[in-house]
């Protein structure tokens, strides 16, 4: 989830951002929260979360960071179809 580097979005992060916004109306930024959500999605996909248990993702902010990534978000997130 960390490649290609700090503050640089990858496809997994873009998909997590897109899916959170489209499915739940949740806006997450690409530096911290989007990466954490992509990691959570990967854990779920790999079956590494306990079956039948609730998982809580605590979103603590980051909304202002979206403005700094507007061009990249438009390019990576809006142009691709969602996984769901």
PDB file of N, CA and C in Angstrom:
ATOM      1  N   UNK A   1       0.801  -1.193   0.000  1.00  0.00           N
ATOM      2  CA  UNK A   1       0.000   0.000   0.000  1.00  0.00           C
ATOM      3  C   UNK A   1       0.848   1.262   0.000  1.00  0.00           C
ATOM      4  N   UNK A   2       2.135   1.141   0.299  1.00  0.00           N
ATOM      5  CA  UNK A   2       2.961   2.337   0.443  1.00  0.00           C
ATOM      6  C   UNK A   2       3.606   2.811  -0.854  1.00  0.00           C
ATOM      7  N   UNK A   3       3.753   1.928  -1.812  1.00  0.00           N
ATOM      8  CA  UNK A   3       4.414   2.311  -3.066  1.00  0.00           C
ATOM      9  C   UNK A   3       3.526   3.269  -3.844  1.00  0.00           C
ATOM     10  N   UNK A   4       4.002   4.157  -4.612  1.00  0.00           N
ATOM     11  CA  UNK A   4       5.402   4.388  -4.947  1.00  0.00           C
ATOM     12  C   UNK A   4       6.124   5.346  -4.011  1.00  0.00           C
ATOM     13  N   UNK A   5       5.461   5.891  -2.987  1.00  0.00           N
ATOM     14  CA  UNK A   5       6.139   6.748  -2.030  1.00  0.00           C
ATOM     15  C   UNK A   5       5.169   7.659  -1.302  1.00  0.00           C
ATOM     16  N   UNK A   6       5.705   8.378  -0.334  1.00  0.00           N
ATOM     17  CA  UNK A   6       4.891   9.265   0.501  1.00  0.00           C
ATOM     18  C   UNK A   6       4.166  10.299  -0.356  1.00  0.00           C
ATOM     19  N   UNK A   7       2.866  10.416  -0.159  1.00  0.00           N
ATOM     20  CA  UNK A   7       2.080  11.420  -0.836  1.00  0.00           C
ATOM     21  C   UNK A   7       1.815  11.149  -2.306  1.00  0.00           C
ATOM     22  N   UNK A   8       2.215   9.971  -2.792  1.00  0.00           N
ATOM     23  CA  UNK A   8       1.993   9.614  -4.191  1.00  0.00           C
ATOM     24  C   UNK A   8       0.960   8.487  -4.212  1.00  0.00           C
ATOM     25  N   UNK A   9      -0.142   8.747  -4.865  1.00  0.00           N
ATOM     26  CA  UNK A   9      -1.243   7.789  -4.894  1.00  0.00           C
ATOM     27  C   UNK A   9      -0.926   6.605  -5.801  1.00  0.00           C
ATOM     28  N   UNK A  10      -1.346   5.427  -5.373  1.00  0.00           N
ATOM     29  CA  UNK A  10      -1.262   4.253  -6.243  1.00  0.00           C
ATOM     30  C   UNK A  10      -2.681   3.788  -6.561  1.00  0.00           C
ATOM     31  N   UNK A  11      -2.809   2.764  -7.369  1.00  0.00           N
ATOM     32  CA  UNK A  11      -4.129   2.304  -7.812  1.00  0.00           C
ATOM     33  C   UNK A  11      -5.004   1.804  -6.660  1.00  0.00           C
ATOM     34  N   UNK A  12      -4.392   1.130  -5.669  1.00  0.00           N
ATOM     35  CA  UNK A  12      -5.169   0.617  -4.539  1.00  0.00           C
ATOM     36  C   UNK A  12      -5.746   1.765  -3.714  1.00  0.00           C
ATOM     37  N   UNK A  13      -4.969   2.809  -3.510  1.00  0.00           N
ATOM     38  CA  UNK A  13      -5.442   3.974  -2.758  1.00  0.00           C
ATOM     39  C   UNK A  13      -6.531   4.699  -3.544  1.00  0.00           C
ATOM     40  N   UNK A  14      -6.317   4.875  -4.847  1.00  0.00           N
ATOM     41  CA  UNK A  14      -7.328   5.529  -5.688  1.00  0.00           C
ATOM     42  C   UNK A  14      -8.640   4.754  -5.651  1.00  0.00           C
ATOM     43  N   UNK A  15      -8.569   3.434  -5.705  1.00  0.00           N
ATOM     44  CA  UNK A  15      -9.782   2.603  -5.658  1.00  0.00           C
ATOM     45  C   UNK A  15     -10.472   2.742  -4.301  1.00  0.00           C
ATOM     46  N   UNK A  16      -9.696   2.772  -3.213  1.00  0.00           N
ATOM     47  CA  UNK A  16     -10.288   2.925  -1.880  1.00  0.00           C
ATOM     48  C   UNK A  16     -10.974   4.282  -1.748  1.00  0.00           C
ATOM     49  N   UNK A  17     -10.334   5.335  -2.240  1.00  0.00           N
ATOM     50  CA  UNK A  17     -10.917   6.679  -2.188  1.00  0.00           C
ATOM     51  C   UNK A  17     -12.212   6.708  -2.982  1.00  0.00           C
ATOM     52  N   UNK A  18     -12.173   6.159  -4.166  1.00  0.00           N
ATOM     53  CA  UNK A  18     -13.340   6.147  -5.051  1.00  0.00           C
ATOM     54  C   UNK A  18     -14.480   5.334  -4.426  1.00  0.00           C
ATOM     55  N   UNK A  19     -14.163   4.147  -3.912  1.00  0.00           N
ATOM     56  CA  UNK A  19     -15.208   3.296  -3.340  1.00  0.00           C
ATOM     57  C   UNK A  19     -15.817   3.908  -2.082  1.00  0.00           C
ATOM     58  N   UNK A  20     -15.002   4.506  -1.237  1.00  0.00           N
ATOM     59  CA  UNK A  20     -15.529   5.156  -0.024  1.00  0.00           C
ATOM     60  C   UNK A  20     -16.485   6.282  -0.387  1.00  0.00           C
ATOM     61  N   UNK A  21     -16.109   7.078  -1.369  1.00  0.00           N
ATOM     62  CA  UNK A  21     -16.952   8.205  -1.786  1.00  0.00           C
ATOM     63  C   UNK A  21     -18.227   7.713  -2.453  1.00  0.00           C
ATOM     64  N   UNK A  22     -18.101   6.769  -3.367  1.00  0.00           N
ATOM     65  CA  UNK A  22     -19.253   6.305  -4.134  1.00  0.00           C
ATOM     66  C   UNK A  22     -20.215   5.474  -3.303  1.00  0.00           C
ATOM     67  N   UNK A  23     -19.688   4.599  -2.473  1.00  0.00           N
ATOM     68  CA  UNK A  23     -20.545   3.672  -1.741  1.00  0.00           C
ATOM     69  C   UNK A  23     -21.074   4.225  -0.419  1.00  0.00           C
ATOM     70  N   UNK A  24     -20.277   5.079   0.240  1.00  0.00           N
ATOM     71  CA  UNK A  24     -20.651   5.535   1.578  1.00  0.00           C
ATOM     72  C   UNK A  24     -20.673   7.052   1.743  1.00  0.00           C
ATOM     73  N   UNK A  25     -20.314   7.800   0.704  1.00  0.00           N
ATOM     74  CA  UNK A  25     -20.266   9.256   0.832  1.00  0.00           C
ATOM     75  C   UNK A  25     -19.166   9.719   1.769  1.00  0.00           C
ATOM     76  N   UNK A  26     -18.158   8.886   1.945  1.00  0.00           N
ATOM     77  CA  UNK A  26     -17.054   9.172   2.854  1.00  0.00           C
ATOM     78  C   UNK A  26     -15.868   9.692   2.054  1.00  0.00           C
ATOM     79  N   UNK A  27     -15.423  10.898   2.362  1.00  0.00           N
ATOM     80  CA  UNK A  27     -14.277  11.479   1.666  1.00  0.00           C
ATOM     81  C   UNK A  27     -13.009  11.210   2.455  1.00  0.00           C
ATOM     82  N   UNK A  28     -12.068  10.538   1.817  1.00  0.00           N
ATOM     83  CA  UNK A  28     -10.779  10.251   2.449  1.00  0.00           C
ATOM     84  C   UNK A  28      -9.671  10.775   1.543  1.00  0.00           C
ATOM     85  N   UNK A  29      -8.593  11.232   2.154  1.00  0.00           N
ATOM     86  CA  UNK A  29      -7.491  11.818   1.394  1.00  0.00           C
ATOM     87  C   UNK A  29      -6.437  10.754   1.096  1.00  0.00           C
ATOM     88  N   UNK A  30      -5.554  11.018   0.129  1.00  0.00           N
ATOM     89  CA  UNK A  30      -4.634   9.986  -0.344  1.00  0.00           C
ATOM     90  C   UNK A  30      -3.377   9.769   0.495  1.00  0.00           C
ATOM     91  N   UNK A  31      -3.069  10.626   1.436  1.00  0.00           N
ATOM     92  CA  UNK A  31      -1.798  10.490   2.142  1.00  0.00           C
ATOM     93  C   UNK A  31      -1.883   9.513   3.301  1.00  0.00           C
ATOM     94  N   UNK A  32      -2.870   9.666   4.169  1.00  0.00           N
ATOM     95  CA  UNK A  32      -2.985   8.794   5.341  1.00  0.00           C
ATOM     96  C   UNK A  32      -4.262   7.945   5.314  1.00  0.00           C
ATOM     97  N   UNK A  33      -5.405   8.604   5.309  1.00  0.00           N
ATOM     98  CA  UNK A  33      -6.665   7.878   5.452  1.00  0.00           C
ATOM     99  C   UNK A  33      -6.955   6.985   4.257  1.00  0.00           C
ATOM    100  N   UNK A  34      -6.692   7.459   3.057  1.00  0.00           N
ATOM    101  CA  UNK A  34      -6.903   6.635   1.869  1.00  0.00           C
ATOM    102  C   UNK A  34      -6.015   5.404   1.865  1.00  0.00           C
ATOM    103  N   UNK A  35      -4.781   5.569   2.300  1.00  0.00           N
ATOM    104  CA  UNK A  35      -3.858   4.421   2.386  1.00  0.00           C
ATOM    105  C   UNK A  35      -4.305   3.439   3.462  1.00  0.00           C
ATOM    106  N   UNK A  36      -4.739   3.976   4.594  1.00  0.00           N
ATOM    107  CA  UNK A  36      -5.218   3.097   5.665  1.00  0.00           C
ATOM    108  C   UNK A  36      -6.456   2.320   5.221  1.00  0.00           C
ATOM    109  N   UNK A  37      -7.354   2.995   4.510  1.00  0.00           N
ATOM    110  CA  UNK A  37      -8.557   2.319   4.020  1.00  0.00           C
ATOM    111  C   UNK A  37      -8.187   1.263   2.974  1.00  0.00           C
ATOM    112  N   UNK A  38      -7.244   1.574   2.101  1.00  0.00           N
ATOM    113  CA  UNK A  38      -6.786   0.582   1.123  1.00  0.00           C
ATOM    114  C   UNK A  38      -6.209  -0.634   1.841  1.00  0.00           C
ATOM    115  N   UNK A  39      -5.492  -0.410   2.922  1.00  0.00           N
ATOM    116  CA  UNK A  39      -4.952  -1.517   3.721  1.00  0.00           C
ATOM    117  C   UNK A  39      -6.054  -2.341   4.352  1.00  0.00           C
ATOM    118  N   UNK A  40      -7.074  -1.675   4.863  1.00  0.00           N
ATOM    119  CA  UNK A  40      -8.211  -2.383   5.451  1.00  0.00           C
ATOM    120  C   UNK A  40      -8.929  -3.215   4.398  1.00  0.00           C
ATOM    121  N   UNK A  41      -9.128  -2.639   3.207  1.00  0.00           N
ATOM    122  CA  UNK A  41      -9.758  -3.391   2.122  1.00  0.00           C
ATOM    123  C   UNK A  41      -8.920  -4.617   1.750  1.00  0.00           C
ATOM    124  N   UNK A  42      -7.600  -4.461   1.740  1.00  0.00           N
ATOM    125  CA  UNK A  42      -6.714  -5.581   1.405  1.00  0.00           C
ATOM    126  C   UNK A  42      -6.818  -6.684   2.463  1.00  0.00           C
ATOM    127  N   UNK A  43      -6.883  -6.293   3.732  1.00  0.00           N
ATOM    128  CA  UNK A  43      -7.040  -7.285   4.800  1.00  0.00           C
ATOM    129  C   UNK A  43      -8.357  -8.049   4.645  1.00  0.00           C
ATOM    130  N   UNK A  44      -9.409  -7.323   4.314  1.00  0.00           N
ATOM    131  CA  UNK A  44     -10.712  -7.977   4.116  1.00  0.00           C
ATOM    132  C   UNK A  44     -10.663  -8.911   2.907  1.00  0.00           C
ATOM    133  N   UNK A  45     -10.081  -8.439   1.832  1.00  0.00           N
ATOM    134  CA  UNK A  45      -9.991  -9.243   0.607  1.00  0.00           C
ATOM    135  C   UNK A  45      -9.179 -10.514   0.831  1.00  0.00           C
ATOM    136  N   UNK A  46      -8.113 -10.423   1.626  1.00  0.00           N
ATOM    137  CA  UNK A  46      -7.241 -11.569   1.895  1.00  0.00           C
ATOM    138  C   UNK A  46      -7.797 -12.501   2.967  1.00  0.00           C
ATOM    139  N   UNK A  47      -8.953 -12.161   3.547  1.00  0.00           N
ATOM    140  CA  UNK A  47      -9.550 -13.007   4.575  1.00  0.00           C
ATOM    141  C   UNK A  47      -8.845 -12.916   5.915  1.00  0.00           C
ATOM    142  N   UNK A  48      -8.144 -11.836   6.156  1.00  0.00           N
ATOM    143  CA  UNK A  48      -7.374 -11.703   7.397  1.00  0.00           C
ATOM    144  C   UNK A  48      -8.134 -10.983   8.504  1.00  0.00           C
ATOM    145  N   UNK A  49      -9.392 -10.638   8.257  1.00  0.00           N
ATOM    146  CA  UNK A  49     -10.236 -10.062   9.301  1.00  0.00           C
ATOM    147  C   UNK A  49     -11.125 -11.168   9.851  1.00  0.00           C
ATOM    148  N   UNK A  50     -11.415 -11.131  11.148  1.00  0.00           N
ATOM    149  CA  UNK A  50     -12.231 -12.194  11.746  1.00  0.00           C
ATOM    150  C   UNK A  50     -13.631 -12.250  11.139  1.00  0.00           C
ATOM    151  N   UNK A  51     -14.024 -13.418  10.729  1.00  0.00           N
ATOM    152  CA  UNK A  51     -15.357 -13.606  10.134  1.00  0.00           C
ATOM    153  C   UNK A  51     -16.432 -13.374  11.197  1.00  0.00           C
ATOM    154  N   UNK A  52     -17.485 -12.656  10.801  1.00  0.00           N
ATOM    155  CA  UNK A  52     -18.604 -12.418  11.688  1.00  0.00           C
ATOM    156  C   UNK A  52     -18.373 -11.340  12.726  1.00  0.00           C
ATOM    157  N   UNK A  53     -17.224 -10.698  12.706  1.00  0.00           N
ATOM    158  CA  UNK A  53     -16.919  -9.643  13.675  1.00  0.00           C
ATOM    159  C   UNK A  53     -17.051  -8.282  13.015  1.00  0.00           C
ATOM    160  N   UNK A  54     -17.383  -7.287  13.792  1.00  0.00           N
ATOM    161  CA  UNK A  54     -17.455  -5.923  13.291  1.00  0.00           C
ATOM    162  C   UNK A  54     -16.070  -5.301  13.301  1.00  0.00           C
ATOM    163  N   UNK A  55     -15.818  -4.499  12.299  1.00  0.00           N
ATOM    164  CA  UNK A  55     -14.551  -3.782  12.186  1.00  0.00           C
ATOM    165  C   UNK A  55     -14.866  -2.296  12.206  1.00  0.00           C
ATOM    166  N   UNK A  56     -14.127  -1.560  13.003  1.00  0.00           N
ATOM    167  CA  UNK A  56     -14.314  -0.113  13.083  1.00  0.00           C
ATOM    168  C   UNK A  56     -13.115   0.573  12.459  1.00  0.00           C
ATOM    169  N   UNK A  57     -13.387   1.500  11.558  1.00  0.00           N
ATOM    170  CA  UNK A  57     -12.347   2.341  10.969  1.00  0.00           C
ATOM    171  C   UNK A  57     -12.601   3.744  11.482  1.00  0.00           C
ATOM    172  N   UNK A  58     -11.682   4.272  12.248  1.00  0.00           N
ATOM    173  CA  UNK A  58     -11.838   5.592  12.830  1.00  0.00           C
ATOM    174  C   UNK A  58     -11.223   6.633  11.898  1.00  0.00           C
ATOM    175  N   UNK A  59     -12.086   7.417  11.293  1.00  0.00           N
ATOM    176  CA  UNK A  59     -11.662   8.468  10.358  1.00  0.00           C
ATOM    177  C   UNK A  59     -11.521   9.755  11.168  1.00  0.00           C
ATOM    178  N   UNK A  60     -10.298  10.260  11.281  1.00  0.00           N
ATOM    179  CA  UNK A  60     -10.045  11.404  12.164  1.00  0.00           C
ATOM    180  C   UNK A  60      -9.866  12.723  11.427  1.00  0.00           C
ATOM    181  N   UNK A  61     -10.055  12.735  10.134  1.00  0.00           N
ATOM    182  CA  UNK A  61      -9.939  14.010   9.422  1.00  0.00           C
ATOM    183  C   UNK A  61      -9.139  13.886   8.148  1.00  0.00           C
ATOM    184  N   UNK A  62      -8.525  14.993   7.750  1.00  0.00           N
ATOM    185  CA  UNK A  62      -7.722  14.996   6.547  1.00  0.00           C
ATOM    186  C   UNK A  62      -8.393  15.651   5.359  1.00  0.00           C
ATOM    187  N   UNK A  63      -9.641  16.087   5.540  1.00  0.00           N
ATOM    188  CA  UNK A  63     -10.380  16.669   4.431  1.00  0.00           C
ATOM    189  C   UNK A  63      -9.625  17.798   3.718  1.00  0.00           C
ATOM    190  N   UNK A  64      -8.930  18.713   4.414  1.00  0.00           N
ATOM    191  CA  UNK A  64      -8.216  19.774   3.700  1.00  0.00           C
ATOM    192  C   UNK A  64      -7.158  19.249   2.722  1.00  0.00           C
ATOM    193  N   UNK A  65      -6.618  18.073   2.981  1.00  0.00           N
ATOM    194  CA  UNK A  65      -5.599  17.511   2.081  1.00  0.00           C
ATOM    195  C   UNK A  65      -6.170  17.191   0.708  1.00  0.00           C
ATOM    196  N   UNK A  66      -7.480  17.013   0.610  1.00  0.00           N
ATOM    197  CA  UNK A  66      -8.089  16.738  -0.691  1.00  0.00           C
ATOM    198  C   UNK A  66      -7.813  17.867  -1.680  1.00  0.00           C
ATOM    199  N   UNK A  67      -7.802  19.096  -1.200  1.00  0.00           N
ATOM    200  CA  UNK A  67      -7.597  20.239  -2.094  1.00  0.00           C
ATOM    201  C   UNK A  67      -6.197  20.226  -2.717  1.00  0.00           C
ATOM    202  N   UNK A  68      -5.208  19.788  -1.981  1.00  0.00           N
ATOM    203  CA  UNK A  68      -3.852  19.719  -2.502  1.00  0.00           C
ATOM    204  C   UNK A  68      -3.662  18.632  -3.545  1.00  0.00           C
ATOM    205  N   UNK A  69      -4.584  17.695  -3.612  1.00  0.00           N
ATOM    206  CA  UNK A  69      -4.490  16.572  -4.547  1.00  0.00           C
ATOM    207  C   UNK A  69      -5.609  16.598  -5.582  1.00  0.00           C
ATOM    208  N   UNK A  70      -6.257  17.736  -5.759  1.00  0.00           N
ATOM    209  CA  UNK A  70      -7.432  17.810  -6.637  1.00  0.00           C
ATOM    210  C   UNK A  70      -7.153  17.321  -8.048  1.00  0.00           C
ATOM    211  N   UNK A  71      -6.054  17.742  -8.638  1.00  0.00           N
ATOM    212  CA  UNK A  71      -5.743  17.339 -10.012  1.00  0.00           C
ATOM    213  C   UNK A  71      -5.495  15.843 -10.094  1.00  0.00           C
ATOM    214  N   UNK A  72      -4.706  15.326  -9.180  1.00  0.00           N
ATOM    215  CA  UNK A  72      -4.393  13.896  -9.198  1.00  0.00           C
ATOM    216  C   UNK A  72      -5.627  13.055  -8.875  1.00  0.00           C
ATOM    217  N   UNK A  73      -6.450  13.511  -7.941  1.00  0.00           N
ATOM    218  CA  UNK A  73      -7.679  12.785  -7.628  1.00  0.00           C
ATOM    219  C   UNK A  73      -8.601  12.733  -8.835  1.00  0.00           C
ATOM    220  N   UNK A  74      -8.719  13.843  -9.526  1.00  0.00           N
ATOM    221  CA  UNK A  74      -9.562  13.872 -10.728  1.00  0.00           C
ATOM    222  C   UNK A  74      -9.039  12.871 -11.758  1.00  0.00           C
ATOM    223  N   UNK A  75      -7.737  12.830 -11.931  1.00  0.00           N
ATOM    224  CA  UNK A  75      -7.130  11.952 -12.935  1.00  0.00           C
ATOM    225  C   UNK A  75      -7.237  10.480 -12.533  1.00  0.00           C
ATOM    226  N   UNK A  76      -6.922  10.144 -11.288  1.00  0.00           N
ATOM    227  CA  UNK A  76      -6.845   8.745 -10.874  1.00  0.00           C
ATOM    228  C   UNK A  76      -8.162   8.173 -10.365  1.00  0.00           C
ATOM    229  N   UNK A  77      -8.962   8.983  -9.741  1.00  0.00           N
ATOM    230  CA  UNK A  77     -10.152   8.468  -9.075  1.00  0.00           C
ATOM    231  C   UNK A  77     -11.392   8.565  -9.957  1.00  0.00           C
ATOM    232  N   UNK A  78     -11.589   9.686 -10.587  1.00  0.00           N
ATOM    233  CA  UNK A  78     -12.827   9.885 -11.337  1.00  0.00           C
ATOM    234  C   UNK A  78     -12.863   9.154 -12.661  1.00  0.00           C
ATOM    235  N   UNK A  79     -11.728   8.841 -13.232  1.00  0.00           N
ATOM    236  CA  UNK A  79     -11.723   8.239 -14.576  1.00  0.00           C
ATOM    237  C   UNK A  79     -11.868   6.723 -14.556  1.00  0.00           C
ATOM    238  N   UNK A  80     -11.617   6.063 -13.431  1.00  0.00           N
ATOM    239  CA  UNK A  80     -11.633   4.603 -13.388  1.00  0.00           C
ATOM    240  C   UNK A  80     -12.908   4.092 -12.742  1.00  0.00           C
ATOM    241  N   UNK A  81     -13.325   2.916 -13.149  1.00  0.00           N
ATOM    242  CA  UNK A  81     -14.516   2.304 -12.564  1.00  0.00           C
ATOM    243  C   UNK A  81     -14.174   1.736 -11.207  1.00  0.00           C
ATOM    244  N   UNK A  82     -15.169   1.664 -10.354  1.00  0.00           N
ATOM    245  CA  UNK A  82     -15.023   1.144  -9.007  1.00  0.00           C
ATOM    246  C   UNK A  82     -14.921  -0.380  -9.023  1.00  0.00           C
ATOM    247  N   UNK A  83     -14.348  -0.925  -7.947  1.00  0.00           N
ATOM    248  CA  UNK A  83     -14.258  -2.382  -7.777  1.00  0.00           C
ATOM    249  C   UNK A  83     -15.613  -2.986  -7.496  1.00  0.00           C
ATOM    250  N   UNK A  84     -16.490  -2.232  -6.870  1.00  0.00           N
ATOM    251  CA  UNK A  84     -17.796  -2.794  -6.435  1.00  0.00           C
ATOM    252  C   UNK A  84     -18.811  -2.812  -7.555  1.00  0.00           C
TER     253      UNK A  84
END
